[in-house]
Amino acid sequence: MKKIKLYTAVSAFLVCALASCGNEPPISESKTVDLVIKMHETDALMFVTGYSDATLRSDSISYYNYAFKEAGVTKQEFLETIEWYMQHPERYKTLYQKVIQKMTKDDNDAKKKNDENRQKAKNDLWDLQSFYSMPTDGITNPIAYEYPTDVHGVYTISADFTYYADDGTVDPRLCIIADYYDGTNEFIQTRGFKKDGIKRTFTAKIKTNEKKDLKAIRGWVCDQGDATKSKHVDVSNIQLLYTKE
């Protein structure tokens, strides 16, 4: 999951902010949250290679003028609002937390929308969401799955994984299991995950035993050792593919 922080756009305003003595800031908290997020988005835009809007590049403040106009506030009101929060640390802390929460929610909503629009392959049996971000989706979530079936063949679980350097997963692995009605099963695990923030695709494949009655295909996308207490990993493009051979 992306690290979310207040970028240099906001820092620049803090330096030149003017003091405000009111009991409440000039701009409401909800609108301030939206403005700070817009500052972040605009700040990111300025680093896009080849961006050449002369008006926006004229001076540092002009980058954000459109955001003030869109919100119906002035630059002065925004500066005074930020200064007010700086003078009220507890309220500033609450504001900061709400910025993080909204940015996280917006990011997850975008992922869910992409997930809904994902075109599944005809042989893709995965019926859960195709992305997860830990710890947002569970501090130690192993992403369990189970597909009841009596159809023999080859089943492959695959996904794109990004394990971050501060991930606390003990013995991370991807696994797939074939359960049979006689109480036996076959268990395949894939290891080799690197905690370096780089997205990599991993798969685990199993061929069912046609001499036995198949009950289900199941497993864990983010299996882990029992000592795991926290995780920091993004998992996307999860698929459970079936082929006859």
C-alpha atoms as a PDB file:
ATOM      1  CA  MET A   1       0.000   0.000   0.000  1.00  0.00           C
ATOM      2  CA  LYS A   2       1.253   3.462  -0.773  1.00  0.00           C
ATOM      3  CA  LYS A   3       2.701   5.543   2.005  1.00  0.00           C
ATOM      4  CA  ILE A   4       0.510   8.622   2.409  1.00  0.00           C
ATOM      5  CA  LYS A   5       1.922  11.890   3.670  1.00  0.00           C
ATOM      6  CA  LEU A   6       1.434  15.621   3.272  1.00  0.00           C
ATOM      7  CA  TYR A   7       3.636  16.674   0.412  1.00  0.00           C
ATOM      8  CA  THR A   8       5.731  19.799  -0.158  1.00  0.00           C
ATOM      9  CA  ALA A   9       2.702  21.652  -1.481  1.00  0.00           C
ATOM     10  CA  VAL A  10       1.285  21.974   2.018  1.00  0.00           C
ATOM     11  CA  SER A  11       4.698  22.590   3.587  1.00  0.00           C
ATOM     12  CA  ALA A  12       5.204  25.596   1.317  1.00  0.00           C
ATOM     13  CA  PHE A  13       1.950  27.131   2.524  1.00  0.00           C
ATOM     14  CA  LEU A  14       2.835  26.581   6.169  1.00  0.00           C
ATOM     15  CA  VAL A  15       5.953  28.681   5.841  1.00  0.00           C
ATOM     16  CA  CYS A  16       4.093  31.721   4.547  1.00  0.00           C
ATOM     17  CA  ALA A  17       0.839  31.289   6.520  1.00  0.00           C
ATOM     18  CA  LEU A  18      -0.547  34.224   8.496  1.00  0.00           C
ATOM     19  CA  ALA A  19      -1.779  34.006  12.067  1.00  0.00           C
ATOM     20  CA  SER A  20      -5.473  33.699  12.838  1.00  0.00           C
ATOM     21  CA  CYS A  21      -6.983  34.432  16.259  1.00  0.00           C
ATOM     22  CA  GLY A  22     -10.508  33.101  15.723  1.00  0.00           C
ATOM     23  CA  ASN A  23     -12.052  30.233  17.662  1.00  0.00           C
ATOM     24  CA  GLU A  24     -12.538  28.356  14.420  1.00  0.00           C
ATOM     25  CA  PRO A  25     -10.572  28.434  11.144  1.00  0.00           C
ATOM     26  CA  PRO A  26     -11.974  30.370   8.162  1.00  0.00           C
ATOM     27  CA  ILE A  27     -12.498  27.157   6.166  1.00  0.00           C
ATOM     28  CA  SER A  28     -14.490  24.157   7.443  1.00  0.00           C
ATOM     29  CA  GLU A  29     -12.632  20.979   8.336  1.00  0.00           C
ATOM     30  CA  SER A  30     -14.224  18.895   5.564  1.00  0.00           C
ATOM     31  CA  LYS A  31     -13.371  21.476   2.907  1.00  0.00           C
ATOM     32  CA  THR A  32      -9.828  21.802   4.272  1.00  0.00           C
ATOM     33  CA  VAL A  33      -9.362  18.037   4.006  1.00  0.00           C
ATOM     34  CA  ASP A  34     -10.444  18.162   0.356  1.00  0.00           C
ATOM     35  CA  LEU A  35      -8.135  21.108  -0.340  1.00  0.00           C
ATOM     36  CA  VAL A  36      -5.101  19.426   1.213  1.00  0.00           C
ATOM     37  CA  ILE A  37      -5.769  16.341  -0.927  1.00  0.00           C
ATOM     38  CA  LYS A  38      -6.093  18.572  -3.985  1.00  0.00           C
ATOM     39  CA  MET A  39      -2.729  20.138  -3.068  1.00  0.00           C
ATOM     40  CA  HIS A  40      -1.235  16.676  -3.049  1.00  0.00           C
ATOM     41  CA  GLU A  41      -2.742  15.823  -6.446  1.00  0.00           C
ATOM     42  CA  THR A  42      -1.565  19.094  -7.976  1.00  0.00           C
ATOM     43  CA  ASP A  43       1.904  18.659  -6.494  1.00  0.00           C
ATOM     44  CA  ALA A  44       2.123  15.228  -8.136  1.00  0.00           C
ATOM     45  CA  LEU A  45       0.974  16.686 -11.455  1.00  0.00           C
ATOM     46  CA  MET A  46       3.860  19.127 -11.540  1.00  0.00           C
ATOM     47  CA  PHE A  47       6.343  16.253 -11.650  1.00  0.00           C
ATOM     48  CA  VAL A  48       4.823  14.658 -14.757  1.00  0.00           C
ATOM     49  CA  THR A  49       7.479  14.730 -17.473  1.00  0.00           C
ATOM     50  CA  GLY A  50       6.721  17.189 -20.241  1.00  0.00           C
ATOM     51  CA  TYR A  51       4.067  19.165 -18.372  1.00  0.00           C
ATOM     52  CA  SER A  52       4.359  22.656 -19.817  1.00  0.00           C
ATOM     53  CA  ASP A  53       1.488  24.844 -18.649  1.00  0.00           C
ATOM     54  CA  ALA A  54       3.207  28.219 -18.425  1.00  0.00           C
ATOM     55  CA  THR A  55       0.563  29.650 -16.122  1.00  0.00           C
ATOM     56  CA  LEU A  56       0.972  26.906 -13.536  1.00  0.00           C
ATOM     57  CA  ARG A  57       4.756  27.107 -13.709  1.00  0.00           C
ATOM     58  CA  SER A  58       4.912  30.903 -13.258  1.00  0.00           C
ATOM     59  CA  ASP A  59       5.344  30.722  -9.473  1.00  0.00           C
ATOM     60  CA  SER A  60       4.880  28.181  -6.693  1.00  0.00           C
ATOM     61  CA  ILE A  61       1.544  29.546  -5.425  1.00  0.00           C
ATOM     62  CA  SER A  62      -0.099  29.649  -8.866  1.00  0.00           C
ATOM     63  CA  TYR A  63       0.052  25.851  -9.027  1.00  0.00           C
ATOM     64  CA  TYR A  64      -2.868  25.727  -6.634  1.00  0.00           C
ATOM     65  CA  ASN A  65      -5.003  28.723  -7.634  1.00  0.00           C
ATOM     66  CA  TYR A  66      -7.497  26.599  -9.531  1.00  0.00           C
ATOM     67  CA  ALA A  67      -8.083  24.475  -6.391  1.00  0.00           C
ATOM     68  CA  PHE A  68      -8.986  27.587  -4.355  1.00  0.00           C
ATOM     69  CA  LYS A  69     -11.331  28.819  -7.078  1.00  0.00           C
ATOM     70  CA  GLU A  70     -12.981  25.412  -7.372  1.00  0.00           C
ATOM     71  CA  ALA A  71     -13.547  25.271  -3.585  1.00  0.00           C
ATOM     72  CA  GLY A  72     -14.841  28.851  -3.423  1.00  0.00           C
ATOM     73  CA  VAL A  73     -12.125  30.093  -1.042  1.00  0.00           C
ATOM     74  CA  THR A  74      -9.178  32.436  -1.263  1.00  0.00           C
ATOM     75  CA  LYS A  75      -5.496  31.734  -0.852  1.00  0.00           C
ATOM     76  CA  GLN A  76      -5.507  33.974   2.223  1.00  0.00           C
ATOM     77  CA  GLU A  77      -8.281  31.945   3.846  1.00  0.00           C
ATOM     78  CA  PHE A  78      -6.389  28.738   3.220  1.00  0.00           C
ATOM     79  CA  LEU A  79      -3.174  30.133   4.694  1.00  0.00           C
ATOM     80  CA  GLU A  80      -5.012  31.356   7.785  1.00  0.00           C
ATOM     81  CA  THR A  81      -6.754  28.003   8.133  1.00  0.00           C
ATOM     82  CA  ILE A  82      -3.495  26.058   8.058  1.00  0.00           C
ATOM     83  CA  GLU A  83      -1.944  28.493  10.533  1.00  0.00           C
ATOM     84  CA  TRP A  84      -4.948  28.017  12.838  1.00  0.00           C
ATOM     85  CA  TYR A  85      -4.463  24.257  12.799  1.00  0.00           C
ATOM     86  CA  MET A  86      -0.762  24.663  13.505  1.00  0.00           C
ATOM     87  CA  GLN A  87      -1.718  26.629  16.623  1.00  0.00           C
ATOM     88  CA  HIS A  88      -4.146  23.861  17.696  1.00  0.00           C
ATOM     89  CA  PRO A  89      -2.057  20.652  17.602  1.00  0.00           C
ATOM     90  CA  GLU A  90      -4.839  18.250  18.596  1.00  0.00           C
ATOM     91  CA  ARG A  91      -7.157  19.555  15.898  1.00  0.00           C
ATOM     92  CA  TYR A  92      -4.265  19.476  13.417  1.00  0.00           C
ATOM     93  CA  LYS A  93      -3.633  15.835  14.302  1.00  0.00           C
ATOM     94  CA  THR A  94      -7.308  15.038  13.675  1.00  0.00           C
ATOM     95  CA  LEU A  95      -7.200  16.898  10.347  1.00  0.00           C
ATOM     96  CA  TYR A  96      -4.081  14.983   9.285  1.00  0.00           C
ATOM     97  CA  GLN A  97      -5.704  11.651  10.170  1.00  0.00           C
ATOM     98  CA  LYS A  98      -8.804  12.507   8.151  1.00  0.00           C
ATOM     99  CA  VAL A  99      -6.657  13.412   5.141  1.00  0.00           C
ATOM    100  CA  ILE A 100      -4.934  10.031   5.352  1.00  0.00           C
ATOM    101  CA  GLN A 101      -8.227   8.164   5.796  1.00  0.00           C
ATOM    102  CA  LYS A 102      -9.889   9.881   2.838  1.00  0.00           C
ATOM    103  CA  MET A 103      -6.893   9.397   0.563  1.00  0.00           C
ATOM    104  CA  THR A 104      -6.766   5.718   1.532  1.00  0.00           C
ATOM    105  CA  LYS A 105     -10.503   5.331   0.916  1.00  0.00           C
ATOM    106  CA  ASP A 106     -10.296   7.099  -2.448  1.00  0.00           C
ATOM    107  CA  ASP A 107      -7.388   4.868  -3.437  1.00  0.00           C
ATOM    108  CA  ASN A 108      -9.245   1.706  -2.399  1.00  0.00           C
ATOM    109  CA  ASP A 109     -12.431   2.859  -4.160  1.00  0.00           C
ATOM    110  CA  ALA A 110     -10.439   3.319  -7.367  1.00  0.00           C
ATOM    111  CA  LYS A 111      -8.971  -0.166  -6.994  1.00  0.00           C
ATOM    112  CA  LYS A 112     -12.425  -1.643  -6.432  1.00  0.00           C
ATOM    113  CA  LYS A 113     -13.735   0.098  -9.531  1.00  0.00           C
ATOM    114  CA  ASN A 114     -10.876  -1.341 -11.565  1.00  0.00           C
ATOM    115  CA  ASP A 115     -11.637  -4.711 -10.026  1.00  0.00           C
ATOM    116  CA  GLU A 116     -15.279  -4.481 -11.116  1.00  0.00           C
ATOM    117  CA  ASN A 117     -14.211  -3.586 -14.644  1.00  0.00           C
ATOM    118  CA  ARG A 118     -11.674  -6.392 -14.858  1.00  0.00           C
ATOM    119  CA  GLN A 119     -12.437  -8.765 -17.705  1.00  0.00           C
ATOM    120  CA  LYS A 120     -12.048 -12.285 -16.425  1.00  0.00           C
ATOM    121  CA  ALA A 121     -10.746 -15.095 -18.575  1.00  0.00           C
ATOM    122  CA  LYS A 122     -13.363 -17.756 -19.307  1.00  0.00           C
ATOM    123  CA  ASN A 123     -11.404 -20.293 -17.284  1.00  0.00           C
ATOM    124  CA  ASP A 124     -10.880 -17.962 -14.309  1.00  0.00           C
ATOM    125  CA  LEU A 125     -12.767 -19.358 -11.295  1.00  0.00           C
ATOM    126  CA  TRP A 126     -11.785 -16.602  -8.835  1.00  0.00           C
ATOM    127  CA  ASP A 127     -14.962 -15.066  -7.388  1.00  0.00           C
ATOM    128  CA  LEU A 128     -13.520 -12.824  -4.661  1.00  0.00           C
ATOM    129  CA  GLN A 129     -12.039  -9.345  -5.067  1.00  0.00           C
ATOM    130  CA  SER A 130      -8.899  -9.488  -7.169  1.00  0.00           C
ATOM    131  CA  PHE A 131      -6.836  -7.076  -5.038  1.00  0.00           C
ATOM    132  CA  TYR A 132      -5.965  -6.771  -1.360  1.00  0.00           C
ATOM    133  CA  SER A 133      -3.812  -4.303   0.549  1.00  0.00           C
ATOM    134  CA  MET A 134      -2.537  -5.249   3.965  1.00  0.00           C
ATOM    135  CA  PRO A 135      -2.806  -4.059   6.673  1.00  0.00           C
ATOM    136  CA  THR A 136      -5.886  -2.171   5.383  1.00  0.00           C
ATOM    137  CA  ASP A 137      -7.554  -5.490   4.457  1.00  0.00           C
ATOM    138  CA  GLY A 138      -6.413  -7.232   7.642  1.00  0.00           C
ATOM    139  CA  ILE A 139      -3.209  -7.115   9.634  1.00  0.00           C
ATOM    140  CA  THR A 140      -2.514 -10.829   9.080  1.00  0.00           C
ATOM    141  CA  ASN A 141      -5.040 -11.714   6.347  1.00  0.00           C
ATOM    142  CA  PRO A 142      -3.839 -14.852   4.499  1.00  0.00           C
ATOM    143  CA  ILE A 143      -6.573 -14.432   1.803  1.00  0.00           C
ATOM    144  CA  ALA A 144      -8.247 -17.830   2.057  1.00  0.00           C
ATOM    145  CA  TYR A 145     -10.163 -19.262  -0.885  1.00  0.00           C
ATOM    146  CA  GLU A 146     -12.159 -22.424  -1.613  1.00  0.00           C
ATOM    147  CA  TYR A 147     -13.787 -23.641  -4.840  1.00  0.00           C
ATOM    148  CA  PRO A 148     -15.987 -26.752  -4.482  1.00  0.00           C
ATOM    149  CA  THR A 149     -15.667 -28.899  -7.615  1.00  0.00           C
ATOM    150  CA  ASP A 150     -15.581 -32.514  -8.806  1.00  0.00           C
ATOM    151  CA  VAL A 151     -14.011 -31.663 -12.163  1.00  0.00           C
ATOM    152  CA  HIS A 152     -10.475 -32.983 -12.566  1.00  0.00           C
ATOM    153  CA  GLY A 153      -7.715 -31.114 -14.347  1.00  0.00           C
ATOM    154  CA  VAL A 154      -4.994 -28.548 -13.693  1.00  0.00           C
ATOM    155  CA  TYR A 155      -5.716 -25.661 -11.319  1.00  0.00           C
ATOM    156  CA  THR A 156      -3.396 -22.647 -11.076  1.00  0.00           C
ATOM    157  CA  ILE A 157      -3.570 -19.860  -8.507  1.00  0.00           C
ATOM    158  CA  SER A 158      -1.628 -16.731  -9.508  1.00  0.00           C
ATOM    159  CA  ALA A 159      -1.315 -13.093  -8.414  1.00  0.00           C
ATOM    160  CA  ASP A 160       0.936 -10.055  -8.492  1.00  0.00           C
ATOM    161  CA  PHE A 161       2.638  -9.442  -5.136  1.00  0.00           C
ATOM    162  CA  THR A 162       4.392  -6.385  -3.734  1.00  0.00           C
ATOM    163  CA  TYR A 163       5.993  -7.146  -0.375  1.00  0.00           C
ATOM    164  CA  TYR A 164       7.414  -4.043   1.302  1.00  0.00           C
ATOM    165  CA  ALA A 165      10.596  -3.825   3.366  1.00  0.00           C
ATOM    166  CA  ASP A 166       8.687  -3.409   6.649  1.00  0.00           C
ATOM    167  CA  ASP A 167       6.446  -6.425   6.023  1.00  0.00           C
ATOM    168  CA  GLY A 168       6.361  -8.751   9.033  1.00  0.00           C
ATOM    169  CA  THR A 169       5.212 -11.944   7.312  1.00  0.00           C
ATOM    170  CA  VAL A 170       7.050 -15.026   8.533  1.00  0.00           C
ATOM    171  CA  ASP A 171       7.691 -17.525   5.717  1.00  0.00           C
ATOM    172  CA  PRO A 172       5.356 -15.972   3.098  1.00  0.00           C
ATOM    173  CA  ARG A 173       4.017 -18.412   0.517  1.00  0.00           C
ATOM    174  CA  LEU A 174       1.280 -19.015  -2.036  1.00  0.00           C
ATOM    175  CA  CYS A 175      -0.482 -22.345  -1.780  1.00  0.00           C
ATOM    176  CA  ILE A 176      -3.105 -24.487  -3.497  1.00  0.00           C
ATOM    177  CA  ILE A 177      -4.709 -27.670  -2.167  1.00  0.00           C
ATOM    178  CA  ALA A 178      -6.779 -30.396  -3.808  1.00  0.00           C
ATOM    179  CA  ASP A 179      -9.180 -32.007  -1.310  1.00  0.00           C
ATOM    180  CA  TYR A 180     -10.618 -35.486  -1.948  1.00  0.00           C
ATOM    181  CA  TYR A 181     -13.664 -37.181  -0.466  1.00  0.00           C
ATOM    182  CA  ASP A 182     -11.517 -39.932   1.052  1.00  0.00           C
ATOM    183  CA  GLY A 183     -10.053 -37.359   3.435  1.00  0.00           C
ATOM    184  CA  THR A 184      -6.716 -36.996   1.678  1.00  0.00           C
ATOM    185  CA  ASN A 185      -5.324 -33.974  -0.089  1.00  0.00           C
ATOM    186  CA  GLU A 186      -2.445 -32.749  -2.223  1.00  0.00           C
ATOM    187  CA  PHE A 187      -0.647 -29.565  -1.181  1.00  0.00           C
ATOM    188  CA  ILE A 188       1.527 -27.310  -3.375  1.00  0.00           C
ATOM    189  CA  GLN A 189       3.369 -24.224  -2.046  1.00  0.00           C
ATOM    190  CA  THR A 190       5.370 -21.495  -3.778  1.00  0.00           C
ATOM    191  CA  ARG A 191       7.963 -19.470  -1.873  1.00  0.00           C
ATOM    192  CA  GLY A 192      10.699 -17.006  -2.800  1.00  0.00           C
ATOM    193  CA  PHE A 193       9.017 -13.659  -2.078  1.00  0.00           C
ATOM    194  CA  LYS A 194      11.341 -10.667  -1.724  1.00  0.00           C
ATOM    195  CA  LYS A 195      10.474  -7.758   0.542  1.00  0.00           C
ATOM    196  CA  ASP A 196      11.780  -4.942  -1.627  1.00  0.00           C
ATOM    197  CA  GLY A 197       8.660  -3.106  -2.826  1.00  0.00           C
ATOM    198  CA  ILE A 198       8.870  -4.556  -6.347  1.00  0.00           C
ATOM    199  CA  LYS A 199       5.787  -6.144  -7.911  1.00  0.00           C
ATOM    200  CA  ARG A 200       6.298  -9.753  -8.994  1.00  0.00           C
ATOM    201  CA  THR A 201       3.976 -12.481 -10.279  1.00  0.00           C
ATOM    202  CA  PHE A 202       3.887 -15.844  -8.487  1.00  0.00           C
ATOM    203  CA  THR A 203       1.908 -18.992  -9.247  1.00  0.00           C
ATOM    204  CA  ALA A 204       1.150 -22.349  -7.648  1.00  0.00           C
ATOM    205  CA  LYS A 205      -0.191 -25.188  -9.794  1.00  0.00           C
ATOM    206  CA  ILE A 206      -1.732 -28.554  -9.014  1.00  0.00           C
ATOM    207  CA  LYS A 207      -2.913 -31.457 -11.186  1.00  0.00           C
ATOM    208  CA  THR A 208      -5.701 -33.428  -9.542  1.00  0.00           C
ATOM    209  CA  ASN A 209      -5.608 -37.204  -9.131  1.00  0.00           C
ATOM    210  CA  GLU A 210      -8.293 -38.609 -11.426  1.00  0.00           C
ATOM    211  CA  LYS A 211      -8.328 -41.900  -9.482  1.00  0.00           C
ATOM    212  CA  LYS A 212      -9.909 -40.089  -6.533  1.00  0.00           C
ATOM    213  CA  ASP A 213     -13.193 -38.216  -6.122  1.00  0.00           C
ATOM    214  CA  LEU A 214     -12.351 -34.513  -6.045  1.00  0.00           C
ATOM    215  CA  LYS A 215     -14.113 -32.411  -3.407  1.00  0.00           C
ATOM    216  CA  ALA A 216     -12.650 -28.917  -3.691  1.00  0.00           C
ATOM    217  CA  ILE A 217      -9.723 -26.711  -4.634  1.00  0.00           C
ATOM    218  CA  ARG A 218      -8.674 -24.366  -1.852  1.00  0.00           C
ATOM    219  CA  GLY A 219      -5.715 -22.615  -0.286  1.00  0.00           C
ATOM    220  CA  TRP A 220      -4.268 -19.265   0.778  1.00  0.00           C
ATOM    221  CA  VAL A 221      -2.943 -16.543  -1.505  1.00  0.00           C
ATOM    222  CA  CYS A 222      -0.846 -15.000   1.300  1.00  0.00           C
ATOM    223  CA  ASP A 223      -0.114 -17.975   3.540  1.00  0.00           C
ATOM    224  CA  GLN A 224       2.246 -17.368   6.451  1.00  0.00           C
ATOM    225  CA  GLY A 225       3.972 -18.774   9.491  1.00  0.00           C
ATOM    226  CA  ASP A 226       2.196 -18.731  12.860  1.00  0.00           C
ATOM    227  CA  ALA A 227       4.622 -16.110  14.220  1.00  0.00           C
ATOM    228  CA  THR A 228       3.310 -13.463  11.782  1.00  0.00           C
ATOM    229  CA  LYS A 229       1.964 -10.422  13.669  1.00  0.00           C
ATOM    230  CA  SER A 230       1.674  -7.820  10.917  1.00  0.00           C
ATOM    231  CA  LYS A 231       1.860  -7.568   7.136  1.00  0.00           C
ATOM    232  CA  HIS A 232       2.578  -4.901   4.537  1.00  0.00           C
ATOM    233  CA  VAL A 233       1.820  -6.281   1.092  1.00  0.00           C
ATOM    234  CA  ASP A 234      -0.279  -5.421  -1.953  1.00  0.00           C
ATOM    235  CA  VAL A 235      -1.820  -8.314  -3.891  1.00  0.00           C
ATOM    236  CA  SER A 236      -3.508  -7.744  -7.250  1.00  0.00           C
ATOM    237  CA  ASN A 237      -4.715  -9.547 -10.356  1.00  0.00           C
ATOM    238  CA  ILE A 238      -5.585 -12.729  -8.441  1.00  0.00           C
ATOM    239  CA  GLN A 239      -6.691 -15.581 -10.688  1.00  0.00           C
ATOM    240  CA  LEU A 240      -7.692 -19.208 -10.202  1.00  0.00           C
ATOM    241  CA  LEU A 241      -7.382 -20.790 -13.619  1.00  0.00           C
ATOM    242  CA  TYR A 242      -8.646 -24.211 -14.742  1.00  0.00           C
ATOM    243  CA  THR A 243      -7.420 -26.240 -17.687  1.00  0.00           C
ATOM    244  CA  LYS A 244      -8.181 -29.850 -18.591  1.00  0.00           C
ATOM    245  CA  GLU A 245      -4.509 -30.759 -18.873  1.00  0.00           C
END
